[in-house]
Amino acid sequence: DDADLPDLTSTSKKLCTKVIKQENAKTD
């Protein structure tokens, strides 16, 4: 199961980055 962890982590980071970028775009 540990092999799945890197994938989940990178996916979560990508999702978080997208959300942050969207929030930044709103404030701009």
Protein backbone atom coordinates (compact mmCIF):
# COMPACT_ATOMS: atom_id res chain seq x y z
CA ASP A 1 0.00 0.00 0.00
CA ASP A 2 2.95 2.31 0.61
CA ALA A 3 3.49 2.49 -3.16
CA ASP A 4 0.19 4.38 -3.45
CA LEU A 5 1.18 7.05 -0.94
CA PRO A 6 3.41 9.13 -3.27
CA ASP A 7 0.63 9.23 -5.87
CA LEU A 8 -1.97 10.34 -3.35
CA THR A 9 0.39 12.93 -1.91
CA SER A 10 1.31 14.45 -5.28
CA THR A 11 -2.35 14.46 -6.33
CA SER A 12 -3.36 16.20 -3.12
CA LYS A 13 -0.61 18.77 -3.60
CA LYS A 14 -1.78 19.42 -7.16
CA LEU A 15 -5.37 19.87 -5.97
CA CYS A 16 -4.25 22.20 -3.19
CA THR A 17 -2.17 24.20 -5.65
CA LYS A 18 -5.15 24.55 -7.99
CA VAL A 19 -7.36 25.75 -5.14
CA ILE A 20 -4.73 28.22 -3.95
CA LYS A 21 -4.27 29.58 -7.48
CA GLN A 22 -8.03 29.97 -7.86
CA GLU A 23 -8.25 31.79 -4.51
CA ASN A 24 -5.39 34.08 -5.53
CA ALA A 25 -7.13 34.81 -8.83
CA LYS A 26 -10.28 35.78 -6.93
CA THR A 27 -8.39 38.25 -4.72
CA ASP A 28 -6.72 39.72 -7.80
